[in-house]
């Protein structure tokens, strides 16, 4: 399948991807000519040593066509590039921008975008952190005054354009590898289901980690669970822990997190991968609950 068929005829559902993708949002067309992009490839090698020389091949560019189509390759990475001369679909705006926790002014700025470029990871590197880093390196090729921000459809989130440069600075790359910036690479949304407000992680599945869901009672509770979700992610991802429904994770001397299956009546909470409901419980409650499961 060529890029035109993939992006402009079949319109892939980026929110359903199992590997990272970024949408770069612009208020006007950037310079995407072959000469300009090839001239910036040296920036990638300057960030950190690469095993292969970066190459970009364009099937079409906005300077001479209504389309932008191309492929960037370096090392084990392949990033497919597609530019759309229109704003993101309304559903994407709602998921990534309106549901985010950024200020109203920033959301309004991103909503004002007029066109966007999709960067899809299609390389062979198996580490999702390296996949993300490769996408952000690719995004550097398109940074300029025209770029308003970044939307991440698989993770239901967004962030300012300035973070592209910050996250790919040579001093930051080892930090991203040791402690991935989840606040930018994963989403955290709140929604009403029945009479309860639930907080949900989004995008954990890209790292092979179960997404999490919990009931929240207040704004303070919401912030606390955001931090708990990130701590759980780091444990599950870096320790390669396999947590299933019925398991418990101790977080202090008296408190455990109890993981439960999402009930059929709460199907709306499920993400692309596995999603687990989580709540705090005492040691006695965990023991009683697990005995009843056996």
Protein backbone atom coordinates (compact mmCIF):
# COMPACT_ATOMS: atom_id res chain seq x y z
CA UNK A 1 0.00 0.00 0.00
CA UNK A 2 1.50 3.37 -0.97
CA UNK A 3 1.26 6.44 1.23
CA UNK A 4 -1.47 8.09 -0.82
CA UNK A 5 -3.77 5.09 -0.45
CA UNK A 6 -2.98 4.71 3.24
CA UNK A 7 -3.48 8.31 4.34
CA UNK A 8 -5.71 9.98 1.78
CA UNK A 9 -7.98 7.21 0.58
CA UNK A 10 -8.40 4.95 3.61
CA UNK A 11 -7.86 7.61 6.34
CA UNK A 12 -6.41 5.37 9.12
CA UNK A 13 -7.84 5.71 12.61
CA UNK A 14 -4.83 7.08 14.48
CA UNK A 15 -6.56 6.67 17.85
CA UNK A 16 -6.62 2.91 17.28
CA UNK A 17 -2.88 2.58 16.63
CA UNK A 18 -0.71 0.27 18.68
CA UNK A 19 2.43 2.28 17.95
CA UNK A 20 2.98 6.01 18.52
CA UNK A 21 1.91 8.74 16.13
CA UNK A 22 2.01 12.52 16.40
CA UNK A 23 -0.03 15.23 14.70
CA UNK A 24 1.81 18.52 14.17
CA UNK A 25 -0.68 21.41 14.08
CA UNK A 26 0.07 24.50 11.96
CA UNK A 27 -1.59 27.86 11.39
CA UNK A 28 -0.08 28.05 7.87
CA UNK A 29 1.99 25.88 5.59
CA UNK A 30 5.60 25.36 6.61
CA UNK A 31 8.40 25.03 4.06
CA UNK A 32 8.40 21.31 3.27
CA UNK A 33 10.45 21.33 0.09
CA UNK A 34 12.98 18.53 -0.37
CA UNK A 35 15.84 21.00 -0.20
CA UNK A 36 14.69 22.46 3.11
CA UNK A 37 14.00 19.15 4.80
CA UNK A 38 17.18 17.52 3.54
CA UNK A 39 19.10 20.56 4.74
CA UNK A 40 17.81 19.98 8.25
CA UNK A 41 18.65 16.29 8.43
CA UNK A 42 22.03 17.13 9.92
CA UNK A 43 20.22 18.31 13.07
CA UNK A 44 19.28 14.70 13.81
CA UNK A 45 22.86 13.50 13.74
CA UNK A 46 23.88 16.42 15.95
CA UNK A 47 21.52 15.34 18.74
CA UNK A 48 23.33 12.05 19.39
CA UNK A 49 25.37 9.57 17.31
CA UNK A 50 23.39 7.60 14.72
CA UNK A 51 24.35 4.32 13.09
CA UNK A 52 23.00 5.32 9.68
CA UNK A 53 22.70 8.60 7.82
CA UNK A 54 19.15 10.02 7.98
CA UNK A 55 17.30 10.02 4.66
CA UNK A 56 14.02 11.61 3.68
CA UNK A 57 12.15 10.72 0.52
CA UNK A 58 9.17 12.79 -0.57
CA UNK A 59 6.46 11.52 -2.90
CA UNK A 60 4.80 14.95 -2.82
CA UNK A 61 5.43 18.24 -1.04
CA UNK A 62 3.28 21.24 -0.28
CA UNK A 63 5.45 23.58 -2.32
CA UNK A 64 4.30 22.02 -5.58
CA UNK A 65 1.29 19.92 -4.59
CA UNK A 66 -1.77 19.92 -2.37
CA UNK A 67 -0.32 16.85 -0.66
CA UNK A 68 2.62 16.17 1.63
CA UNK A 69 3.81 12.55 1.55
CA UNK A 70 7.16 11.15 2.54
CA UNK A 71 9.25 8.76 4.59
CA UNK A 72 12.10 9.52 7.00
CA UNK A 73 14.52 6.70 7.85
CA UNK A 74 17.49 6.42 10.19
CA UNK A 75 18.89 3.53 12.23
CA UNK A 76 15.99 1.12 12.94
CA UNK A 77 13.41 3.84 12.49
CA UNK A 78 10.94 4.56 9.70
CA UNK A 79 8.55 7.47 10.08
CA UNK A 80 5.77 7.91 7.54
CA UNK A 81 4.79 11.53 6.90
CA UNK A 82 1.45 12.78 5.60
CA UNK A 83 0.29 16.38 5.48
CA UNK A 84 -3.40 17.34 5.35
CA UNK A 85 -4.50 20.76 4.07
CA UNK A 86 -7.36 20.89 6.58
CA UNK A 87 -7.81 20.81 10.37
CA UNK A 88 -7.94 17.54 12.28
CA UNK A 89 -11.34 15.81 12.37
CA UNK A 90 -13.70 17.08 15.07
CA UNK A 91 -13.52 13.78 16.98
CA UNK A 92 -9.73 14.07 17.14
CA UNK A 93 -9.93 17.66 18.39
CA UNK A 94 -12.36 16.59 21.10
CA UNK A 95 -10.20 13.68 22.26
CA UNK A 96 -6.78 15.32 22.13
CA UNK A 97 -7.44 19.01 22.78
CA UNK A 98 -10.79 19.61 24.46
CA UNK A 99 -10.39 16.70 26.90
CA UNK A 100 -6.88 17.77 27.89
CA UNK A 101 -5.92 19.58 31.09
CA UNK A 102 -4.29 22.56 29.39
CA UNK A 103 -5.59 26.13 29.81
CA UNK A 104 -8.57 27.38 27.84
CA UNK A 105 -6.29 29.82 25.97
CA UNK A 106 -3.95 27.06 24.83
CA UNK A 107 -6.85 24.84 23.77
CA UNK A 108 -8.24 27.74 21.75
CA UNK A 109 -4.85 28.24 20.10
CA UNK A 110 -4.60 24.61 19.04
CA UNK A 111 -8.18 24.60 17.79
CA UNK A 112 -7.27 27.48 15.47
CA UNK A 113 -4.90 25.29 13.43
CA UNK A 114 -5.60 25.15 9.70
CA UNK A 115 -3.59 22.11 8.63
CA UNK A 116 -1.59 19.30 10.14
CA UNK A 117 1.15 16.77 9.49
CA UNK A 118 0.90 13.18 10.74
CA UNK A 119 4.06 11.35 11.79
CA UNK A 120 3.50 7.60 12.17
CA UNK A 121 6.12 5.27 13.59
CA UNK A 122 6.55 2.27 11.27
CA UNK A 123 10.11 1.19 12.13
CA UNK A 124 11.46 -2.02 13.59
CA UNK A 125 12.71 -0.87 16.99
CA UNK A 126 10.74 -2.73 19.67
CA UNK A 127 11.19 -0.19 22.49
CA UNK A 128 8.24 2.26 22.57
CA UNK A 129 10.41 4.88 24.28
CA UNK A 130 12.81 4.79 21.32
CA UNK A 131 9.85 4.93 18.96
CA UNK A 132 8.64 8.11 20.65
CA UNK A 133 12.10 9.66 20.62
CA UNK A 134 12.40 8.92 16.90
CA UNK A 135 9.08 10.67 16.25
CA UNK A 136 10.17 13.75 18.17
CA UNK A 137 13.44 13.85 16.26
CA UNK A 138 11.39 13.73 13.05
CA UNK A 139 9.15 16.52 14.36
CA UNK A 140 12.20 18.79 14.67
CA UNK A 141 12.37 18.92 10.87
CA UNK A 142 9.06 20.80 10.83
CA UNK A 143 9.49 23.20 13.75
CA UNK A 144 9.05 26.89 13.06
CA UNK A 145 6.78 29.84 13.76
CA UNK A 146 3.94 28.10 11.92
CA UNK A 147 3.82 25.16 14.34
CA UNK A 148 1.29 25.66 17.16
CA UNK A 149 1.47 22.36 19.00
CA UNK A 150 1.36 18.59 18.96
CA UNK A 151 -1.65 16.28 19.27
CA UNK A 152 -1.23 12.63 20.17
CA UNK A 153 -4.30 10.66 19.11
CA UNK A 154 -3.36 7.19 20.43
CA UNK A 155 -2.79 8.78 23.86
CA UNK A 156 -5.62 11.36 23.80
CA UNK A 157 -3.35 14.28 24.66
CA UNK A 158 -1.55 17.36 23.32
CA UNK A 159 1.18 19.83 24.23
CA UNK A 160 2.92 23.03 23.05
CA UNK A 161 5.29 22.97 20.09
CA UNK A 162 8.22 24.18 22.23
CA UNK A 163 8.41 20.79 23.94
CA UNK A 164 9.67 19.16 20.73
CA UNK A 165 12.98 20.95 21.06
CA UNK A 166 13.14 20.57 24.83
CA UNK A 167 12.56 16.80 24.83
CA UNK A 168 15.12 16.16 22.10
CA UNK A 169 17.97 18.21 23.55
CA UNK A 170 21.03 15.94 23.97
CA UNK A 171 20.92 16.36 27.75
CA UNK A 172 17.24 15.35 27.86
CA UNK A 173 17.38 12.19 25.75
CA UNK A 174 18.90 10.03 28.55
CA UNK A 175 16.29 11.44 30.95
CA UNK A 176 13.46 10.47 28.59
CA UNK A 177 14.87 6.95 28.34
CA UNK A 178 15.14 6.51 32.11
CA UNK A 179 11.92 8.32 33.03
CA UNK A 180 9.62 8.83 30.03
CA UNK A 181 7.68 12.13 30.19
CA UNK A 182 4.27 10.54 30.63
CA UNK A 183 2.56 13.90 31.11
CA UNK A 184 3.24 14.51 27.40
CA UNK A 185 3.23 10.94 26.02
CA UNK A 186 0.12 9.59 27.74
CA UNK A 187 -3.31 11.01 28.44
CA UNK A 188 -5.34 11.39 31.62
CA UNK A 189 -9.01 12.18 31.18
CA UNK A 190 -12.09 12.40 33.39
CA UNK A 191 -15.62 11.44 32.46
CA UNK A 192 -19.02 10.86 33.99
CA UNK A 193 -20.33 7.30 33.86
CA UNK A 194 -23.70 6.87 35.56
CA UNK A 195 -23.44 8.90 38.73
CA UNK A 196 -19.68 8.51 39.17
CA UNK A 197 -16.71 10.44 37.79
CA UNK A 198 -13.96 8.17 36.50
CA UNK A 199 -10.36 9.05 35.72
CA UNK A 200 -8.76 7.11 32.87
CA UNK A 201 -5.22 6.76 31.59
CA UNK A 202 -4.78 6.73 27.82
CA UNK A 203 -1.82 5.50 25.82
CA UNK A 204 -0.33 3.09 28.35
CA UNK A 205 -1.09 0.34 25.82
CA UNK A 206 1.64 1.75 23.54
CA UNK A 207 4.15 0.62 26.17
CA UNK A 208 2.59 -2.79 26.77
CA UNK A 209 1.08 -1.63 30.06
CA UNK A 210 -2.58 -1.90 31.03
CA UNK A 211 -4.49 1.36 31.08
CA UNK A 212 -6.02 2.22 34.44
CA UNK A 213 -9.39 3.54 35.57
CA UNK A 214 -10.62 4.70 38.97
CA UNK A 215 -13.47 6.61 40.59
CA UNK A 216 -12.52 10.16 41.65
CA UNK A 217 -14.33 12.25 44.27
CA UNK A 218 -12.74 15.71 43.97
CA UNK A 219 -10.19 17.79 42.05
CA UNK A 220 -7.58 16.98 44.70
CA UNK A 221 -8.43 13.29 44.36
CA UNK A 222 -8.05 13.59 40.58
CA UNK A 223 -4.54 15.05 40.86
CA UNK A 224 -3.51 12.41 43.39
CA UNK A 225 -4.66 9.58 41.13
CA UNK A 226 -2.79 11.13 38.19
CA UNK A 227 0.41 10.80 40.21
CA UNK A 228 -0.50 7.28 41.35
CA UNK A 229 -1.14 6.16 37.76
CA UNK A 230 2.27 7.42 36.69
CA UNK A 231 3.98 5.62 39.59
CA UNK A 232 2.16 2.40 38.72
CA UNK A 233 3.16 2.80 35.07
CA UNK A 234 6.85 3.12 35.94
CA UNK A 235 6.69 0.03 38.10
CA UNK A 236 4.84 -2.08 35.54
CA UNK A 237 6.94 -0.94 32.58
CA UNK A 238 10.44 -0.96 34.00
CA UNK A 239 10.00 -3.95 36.32
CA UNK A 240 8.16 -5.90 33.61
CA UNK A 241 5.53 -6.73 36.24
CA UNK A 242 2.49 -8.67 35.09
CA UNK A 243 -0.51 -7.32 37.01
CA UNK A 244 -3.91 -8.87 36.40
CA UNK A 245 -7.39 -8.45 37.83
CA UNK A 246 -7.34 -9.74 41.41
CA UNK A 247 -3.76 -8.65 42.06
CA UNK A 248 -2.76 -6.07 44.66
CA UNK A 249 0.19 -3.68 44.80
CA UNK A 250 1.41 -2.34 48.14
CA UNK A 251 2.10 1.41 48.12
CA UNK A 252 2.79 1.96 51.83
CA UNK A 253 2.64 0.02 55.10
CA UNK A 254 -1.14 0.16 55.39
CA UNK A 255 -2.38 0.80 51.85
CA UNK A 256 -2.68 -1.36 48.77
CA UNK A 257 -3.93 -0.79 45.25
CA UNK A 258 -6.43 -3.45 44.25
CA UNK A 259 -6.79 -4.19 40.54
CA UNK A 260 -10.13 -5.40 39.22
CA UNK A 261 -11.64 -6.27 35.86
CA UNK A 262 -13.78 -3.66 34.15
CA UNK A 263 -17.41 -4.82 34.55
CA UNK A 264 -19.48 -5.36 31.42
CA UNK A 265 -21.74 -2.49 32.48
CA UNK A 266 -18.72 -0.13 32.25
CA UNK A 267 -17.61 -1.05 28.73
CA UNK A 268 -17.01 2.65 27.94
CA UNK A 269 -13.97 2.59 30.23
CA UNK A 270 -12.06 0.09 28.11
CA UNK A 271 -9.14 1.26 26.03
CA UNK A 272 -7.38 -0.39 23.10
CA UNK A 273 -5.37 -2.78 25.23
CA UNK A 274 -6.29 -4.22 28.60
CA UNK A 275 -7.84 -1.78 31.06
CA UNK A 276 -7.95 -2.45 34.80
CA UNK A 277 -10.05 -0.71 37.43
CA UNK A 278 -7.97 0.25 40.46
CA UNK A 279 -8.90 1.37 43.97
CA UNK A 280 -7.23 1.74 47.34
CA UNK A 281 -7.77 -1.00 49.90
CA UNK A 282 -6.48 -2.09 53.30
CA UNK A 283 -4.47 -5.25 53.82
CA UNK A 284 -7.47 -6.96 55.44
CA UNK A 285 -9.76 -6.01 52.57
CA UNK A 286 -7.27 -7.29 49.99
CA UNK A 287 -6.92 -10.61 51.82
CA UNK A 288 -10.72 -11.00 52.10
CA UNK A 289 -11.26 -10.02 48.46
CA UNK A 290 -8.63 -12.44 47.16
CA UNK A 291 -10.00 -15.31 49.29
CA UNK A 292 -13.43 -14.77 47.74
CA UNK A 293 -11.94 -14.87 44.26
CA UNK A 294 -10.43 -18.34 44.82
